[in-house]
Amino acid sequence: MSDPIKITVGHRLGKVEAARRLEEGFARTKGQLGQLMSIEHEAWEQDTLRFRMRAFGQTAFGTIEVLDDALRIEVSLPWLLAKAARQLVPLLRKQATLLLEKK
């Protein structure tokens, strides 16, 4: 694994509401986050979601820490995905924002 990429996505929902929406958003997507990414495993530990995802045929591991005013996302990428990280970061940011939206 390469150095992790770190993304912060701000919100104004408060920690409890953001965690609820994130959890519902993951359930709603049924593991699919767009055409190129899918979540294979997820587990909550207090305010942190740990997950394993697949993107571009590669497996990556990450966490989403829910804060009062932001999500702190950290993803450890295999070498091949690290090379594509420039394209992956905007996609992760967009998907995190979509998961927080009320549906």
N, C-alpha and C. Protein backbone atom coordinates (compact mmCIF):
# COMPACT_ATOMS: atom_id res chain seq x y z
N MET A 1 0.85 -1.18 0.00
CA MET A 1 0.00 0.00 0.00
C MET A 1 0.89 1.25 0.00
N SER A 2 0.38 2.27 -0.64
CA SER A 2 1.10 3.54 -0.69
C SER A 2 0.67 4.41 0.48
N ASP A 3 1.17 5.63 0.51
CA ASP A 3 0.73 6.58 1.53
C ASP A 3 -0.76 6.83 1.34
N PRO A 4 -1.50 6.96 2.44
CA PRO A 4 -2.95 7.18 2.30
C PRO A 4 -3.26 8.57 1.76
N ILE A 5 -4.39 8.64 1.05
CA ILE A 5 -4.89 9.95 0.65
C ILE A 5 -5.88 10.39 1.72
N LYS A 6 -5.90 11.68 1.98
CA LYS A 6 -6.76 12.22 3.03
C LYS A 6 -7.63 13.31 2.42
N ILE A 7 -8.92 13.23 2.72
CA ILE A 7 -9.89 14.18 2.19
C ILE A 7 -10.77 14.64 3.35
N THR A 8 -11.07 15.91 3.41
CA THR A 8 -12.03 16.43 4.38
C THR A 8 -13.21 17.01 3.62
N VAL A 9 -14.41 16.57 4.01
CA VAL A 9 -15.64 17.06 3.39
C VAL A 9 -16.45 17.74 4.48
N GLY A 10 -16.61 19.05 4.37
CA GLY A 10 -17.34 19.80 5.37
C GLY A 10 -18.84 19.58 5.30
N HIS A 11 -19.50 19.78 6.44
CA HIS A 11 -20.96 19.71 6.49
C HIS A 11 -21.45 20.57 7.65
N ARG A 12 -22.73 20.82 7.70
CA ARG A 12 -23.34 21.61 8.78
C ARG A 12 -24.44 20.81 9.47
N LEU A 13 -24.26 19.50 9.51
CA LEU A 13 -25.31 18.62 10.01
C LEU A 13 -25.18 18.26 11.49
N GLY A 14 -24.01 18.43 12.05
CA GLY A 14 -23.73 17.91 13.38
C GLY A 14 -23.32 16.45 13.25
N LYS A 15 -22.62 15.95 14.26
CA LYS A 15 -22.05 14.61 14.21
C LYS A 15 -23.13 13.52 14.10
N VAL A 16 -24.17 13.61 14.91
CA VAL A 16 -25.20 12.56 14.94
C VAL A 16 -25.92 12.46 13.60
N GLU A 17 -26.36 13.60 13.07
CA GLU A 17 -27.09 13.60 11.80
C GLU A 17 -26.19 13.17 10.64
N ALA A 18 -24.93 13.62 10.64
CA ALA A 18 -24.01 13.23 9.57
C ALA A 18 -23.77 11.73 9.60
N ALA A 19 -23.58 11.15 10.79
CA ALA A 19 -23.37 9.70 10.90
C ALA A 19 -24.61 8.95 10.42
N ARG A 20 -25.78 9.43 10.79
CA ARG A 20 -27.03 8.78 10.37
C ARG A 20 -27.16 8.80 8.85
N ARG A 21 -26.90 9.95 8.25
CA ARG A 21 -27.02 10.06 6.80
C ARG A 21 -25.96 9.23 6.08
N LEU A 22 -24.77 9.20 6.64
CA LEU A 22 -23.71 8.39 6.05
C LEU A 22 -24.10 6.92 6.08
N GLU A 23 -24.60 6.46 7.22
CA GLU A 23 -25.01 5.07 7.35
C GLU A 23 -26.16 4.75 6.38
N GLU A 24 -27.16 5.63 6.32
CA GLU A 24 -28.27 5.43 5.39
C GLU A 24 -27.80 5.48 3.94
N GLY A 25 -26.88 6.39 3.66
CA GLY A 25 -26.36 6.51 2.30
C GLY A 25 -25.64 5.25 1.85
N PHE A 26 -24.85 4.66 2.75
CA PHE A 26 -24.17 3.41 2.43
C PHE A 26 -25.19 2.31 2.18
N ALA A 27 -26.23 2.24 3.01
CA ALA A 27 -27.27 1.22 2.84
C ALA A 27 -28.01 1.44 1.52
N ARG A 28 -28.27 2.69 1.19
CA ARG A 28 -29.01 3.03 -0.03
C ARG A 28 -28.22 2.66 -1.29
N THR A 29 -26.92 2.82 -1.26
CA THR A 29 -26.11 2.53 -2.44
C THR A 29 -25.88 1.04 -2.63
N LYS A 30 -26.16 0.25 -1.60
CA LYS A 30 -25.97 -1.21 -1.65
C LYS A 30 -24.57 -1.57 -2.12
N GLY A 31 -23.60 -0.82 -1.65
CA GLY A 31 -22.20 -1.11 -1.96
C GLY A 31 -21.67 -0.46 -3.22
N GLN A 32 -22.53 0.10 -4.07
CA GLN A 32 -22.07 0.71 -5.31
C GLN A 32 -21.94 2.21 -5.15
N LEU A 33 -20.77 2.74 -5.42
CA LEU A 33 -20.53 4.18 -5.37
C LEU A 33 -20.12 4.64 -6.77
N GLY A 34 -21.06 4.63 -7.66
CA GLY A 34 -20.74 4.98 -9.03
C GLY A 34 -20.37 3.72 -9.81
N GLN A 35 -19.99 3.91 -11.04
CA GLN A 35 -19.69 2.78 -11.91
C GLN A 35 -18.34 2.14 -11.60
N LEU A 36 -17.44 2.89 -11.03
CA LEU A 36 -16.08 2.39 -10.87
C LEU A 36 -15.70 2.02 -9.45
N MET A 37 -16.57 2.30 -8.48
CA MET A 37 -16.24 2.02 -7.08
C MET A 37 -17.35 1.24 -6.41
N SER A 38 -16.96 0.30 -5.55
CA SER A 38 -17.94 -0.42 -4.75
C SER A 38 -17.35 -0.67 -3.36
N ILE A 39 -18.22 -0.70 -2.36
CA ILE A 39 -17.83 -0.99 -0.99
C ILE A 39 -18.08 -2.47 -0.75
N GLU A 40 -17.03 -3.19 -0.36
CA GLU A 40 -17.14 -4.63 -0.12
C GLU A 40 -17.40 -4.96 1.34
N HIS A 41 -16.97 -4.11 2.24
CA HIS A 41 -17.15 -4.36 3.68
C HIS A 41 -17.19 -3.02 4.39
N GLU A 42 -18.02 -2.94 5.43
CA GLU A 42 -18.07 -1.73 6.26
C GLU A 42 -18.36 -2.13 7.69
N ALA A 43 -17.77 -1.41 8.64
CA ALA A 43 -18.00 -1.66 10.06
C ALA A 43 -17.79 -0.36 10.83
N TRP A 44 -18.76 -0.06 11.70
CA TRP A 44 -18.67 1.15 12.53
C TRP A 44 -17.95 0.84 13.83
N GLU A 45 -17.06 1.74 14.25
CA GLU A 45 -16.41 1.73 15.55
C GLU A 45 -16.59 3.13 16.13
N GLN A 46 -17.58 3.30 16.97
CA GLN A 46 -17.97 4.60 17.52
C GLN A 46 -18.30 5.56 16.38
N ASP A 47 -17.54 6.64 16.21
CA ASP A 47 -17.81 7.64 15.18
C ASP A 47 -17.00 7.44 13.91
N THR A 48 -16.42 6.26 13.74
CA THR A 48 -15.57 5.99 12.58
C THR A 48 -16.08 4.78 11.81
N LEU A 49 -16.22 4.96 10.53
CA LEU A 49 -16.61 3.87 9.63
C LEU A 49 -15.35 3.33 8.98
N ARG A 50 -15.09 2.05 9.15
CA ARG A 50 -13.96 1.40 8.49
C ARG A 50 -14.53 0.61 7.32
N PHE A 51 -13.85 0.68 6.17
CA PHE A 51 -14.39 0.01 4.99
C PHE A 51 -13.28 -0.53 4.09
N ARG A 52 -13.71 -1.47 3.26
CA ARG A 52 -12.85 -2.01 2.19
C ARG A 52 -13.60 -1.73 0.90
N MET A 53 -12.92 -1.15 -0.05
CA MET A 53 -13.56 -0.80 -1.31
C MET A 53 -12.78 -1.36 -2.48
N ARG A 54 -13.45 -1.44 -3.61
CA ARG A 54 -12.84 -1.86 -4.85
C ARG A 54 -13.04 -0.75 -5.87
N ALA A 55 -11.97 -0.37 -6.53
CA ALA A 55 -12.02 0.66 -7.56
C ALA A 55 -11.05 0.28 -8.67
N PHE A 56 -11.51 0.34 -9.88
CA PHE A 56 -10.67 0.00 -11.04
C PHE A 56 -10.05 -1.39 -10.89
N GLY A 57 -10.79 -2.32 -10.26
CA GLY A 57 -10.31 -3.69 -10.10
C GLY A 57 -9.30 -3.88 -8.98
N GLN A 58 -9.05 -2.86 -8.19
CA GLN A 58 -8.07 -2.92 -7.11
C GLN A 58 -8.79 -2.76 -5.76
N THR A 59 -8.21 -3.32 -4.70
CA THR A 59 -8.79 -3.21 -3.37
C THR A 59 -8.05 -2.15 -2.56
N ALA A 60 -8.83 -1.33 -1.85
CA ALA A 60 -8.27 -0.30 -0.97
C ALA A 60 -9.01 -0.36 0.36
N PHE A 61 -8.37 0.17 1.40
CA PHE A 61 -8.95 0.19 2.74
C PHE A 61 -9.02 1.64 3.21
N GLY A 62 -10.06 1.95 4.00
CA GLY A 62 -10.17 3.32 4.45
C GLY A 62 -11.03 3.49 5.68
N THR A 63 -11.06 4.73 6.15
CA THR A 63 -11.88 5.12 7.29
C THR A 63 -12.57 6.44 6.97
N ILE A 64 -13.74 6.61 7.55
CA ILE A 64 -14.43 7.89 7.51
C ILE A 64 -14.74 8.25 8.95
N GLU A 65 -14.09 9.27 9.45
CA GLU A 65 -14.34 9.75 10.81
C GLU A 65 -15.37 10.87 10.74
N VAL A 66 -16.45 10.72 11.49
CA VAL A 66 -17.51 11.71 11.50
C VAL A 66 -17.24 12.72 12.60
N LEU A 67 -17.05 13.97 12.21
CA LEU A 67 -16.83 15.06 13.15
C LEU A 67 -18.07 15.95 13.18
N ASP A 68 -18.12 16.89 14.10
CA ASP A 68 -19.27 17.79 14.21
C ASP A 68 -19.53 18.58 12.93
N ASP A 69 -18.45 18.93 12.19
CA ASP A 69 -18.61 19.79 11.02
C ASP A 69 -17.94 19.26 9.76
N ALA A 70 -17.50 18.02 9.79
CA ALA A 70 -16.80 17.47 8.62
C ALA A 70 -16.72 15.96 8.68
N LEU A 71 -16.44 15.38 7.53
CA LEU A 71 -16.05 13.97 7.44
C LEU A 71 -14.57 13.98 7.13
N ARG A 72 -13.81 13.19 7.85
CA ARG A 72 -12.38 13.05 7.57
C ARG A 72 -12.19 11.66 6.96
N ILE A 73 -11.88 11.63 5.68
CA ILE A 73 -11.76 10.37 4.94
C ILE A 73 -10.28 10.09 4.70
N GLU A 74 -9.89 8.86 4.98
CA GLU A 74 -8.52 8.43 4.73
C GLU A 74 -8.58 7.07 4.04
N VAL A 75 -7.92 6.98 2.88
CA VAL A 75 -7.94 5.74 2.11
C VAL A 75 -6.51 5.35 1.76
N SER A 76 -6.16 4.10 2.10
CA SER A 76 -4.86 3.54 1.73
C SER A 76 -5.02 2.81 0.41
N LEU A 77 -4.28 3.24 -0.57
CA LEU A 77 -4.44 2.73 -1.93
C LEU A 77 -3.29 1.82 -2.33
N PRO A 78 -3.58 0.77 -3.10
CA PRO A 78 -2.49 0.00 -3.70
C PRO A 78 -1.79 0.86 -4.75
N TRP A 79 -0.63 0.44 -5.14
CA TRP A 79 0.22 1.22 -6.03
C TRP A 79 -0.51 1.71 -7.28
N LEU A 80 -1.27 0.81 -7.93
CA LEU A 80 -1.93 1.18 -9.17
C LEU A 80 -2.98 2.28 -8.95
N LEU A 81 -3.77 2.16 -7.88
CA LEU A 81 -4.76 3.20 -7.58
C LEU A 81 -4.09 4.50 -7.15
N ALA A 82 -2.96 4.40 -6.47
CA ALA A 82 -2.24 5.61 -6.06
C ALA A 82 -1.85 6.43 -7.29
N LYS A 83 -1.53 5.75 -8.37
CA LYS A 83 -1.18 6.45 -9.61
C LYS A 83 -2.40 7.18 -10.19
N ALA A 84 -3.60 6.66 -9.91
CA ALA A 84 -4.83 7.28 -10.41
C ALA A 84 -5.48 8.17 -9.36
N ALA A 85 -4.80 8.44 -8.26
CA ALA A 85 -5.39 9.18 -7.14
C ALA A 85 -5.90 10.56 -7.56
N ARG A 86 -5.27 11.20 -8.50
CA ARG A 86 -5.70 12.52 -8.93
C ARG A 86 -7.15 12.47 -9.44
N GLN A 87 -7.52 11.39 -10.12
CA GLN A 87 -8.89 11.23 -10.59
C GLN A 87 -9.80 10.68 -9.49
N LEU A 88 -9.24 9.92 -8.55
CA LEU A 88 -10.03 9.28 -7.51
C LEU A 88 -10.48 10.26 -6.42
N VAL A 89 -9.65 11.24 -6.09
CA VAL A 89 -9.98 12.18 -5.01
C VAL A 89 -11.27 12.95 -5.29
N PRO A 90 -11.45 13.55 -6.48
CA PRO A 90 -12.72 14.24 -6.73
C PRO A 90 -13.93 13.29 -6.69
N LEU A 91 -13.74 12.06 -7.13
CA LEU A 91 -14.82 11.08 -7.10
C LEU A 91 -15.20 10.73 -5.67
N LEU A 92 -14.21 10.53 -4.81
CA LEU A 92 -14.48 10.24 -3.39
C LEU A 92 -15.18 11.42 -2.72
N ARG A 93 -14.71 12.62 -2.99
CA ARG A 93 -15.32 13.83 -2.41
C ARG A 93 -16.79 13.95 -2.85
N LYS A 94 -17.04 13.74 -4.14
CA LYS A 94 -18.40 13.83 -4.67
C LYS A 94 -19.31 12.77 -4.04
N GLN A 95 -18.83 11.54 -3.96
CA GLN A 95 -19.65 10.46 -3.41
C GLN A 95 -19.93 10.68 -1.92
N ALA A 96 -18.96 11.19 -1.17
CA ALA A 96 -19.17 11.48 0.25
C ALA A 96 -20.24 12.56 0.41
N THR A 97 -20.18 13.59 -0.43
CA THR A 97 -21.17 14.65 -0.38
C THR A 97 -22.56 14.11 -0.71
N LEU A 98 -22.64 13.25 -1.72
CA LEU A 98 -23.93 12.65 -2.09
C LEU A 98 -24.49 11.78 -0.96
N LEU A 99 -23.63 11.07 -0.25
CA LEU A 99 -24.09 10.22 0.85
C LEU A 99 -24.69 11.04 1.98
N LEU A 100 -24.24 12.28 2.15
CA LEU A 100 -24.76 13.14 3.21
C LEU A 100 -26.08 13.81 2.85
N GLU A 101 -26.41 13.83 1.55
CA GLU A 101 -27.64 14.49 1.14
C GLU A 101 -28.85 13.72 1.64
N LYS A 102 -29.87 14.45 2.00
CA LYS A 102 -31.10 13.84 2.47
C LYS A 102 -31.89 13.33 1.27
N LYS A 103 -32.26 12.09 1.29
CA LYS A 103 -33.03 11.48 0.19
C LYS A 103 -34.38 11.06 0.67
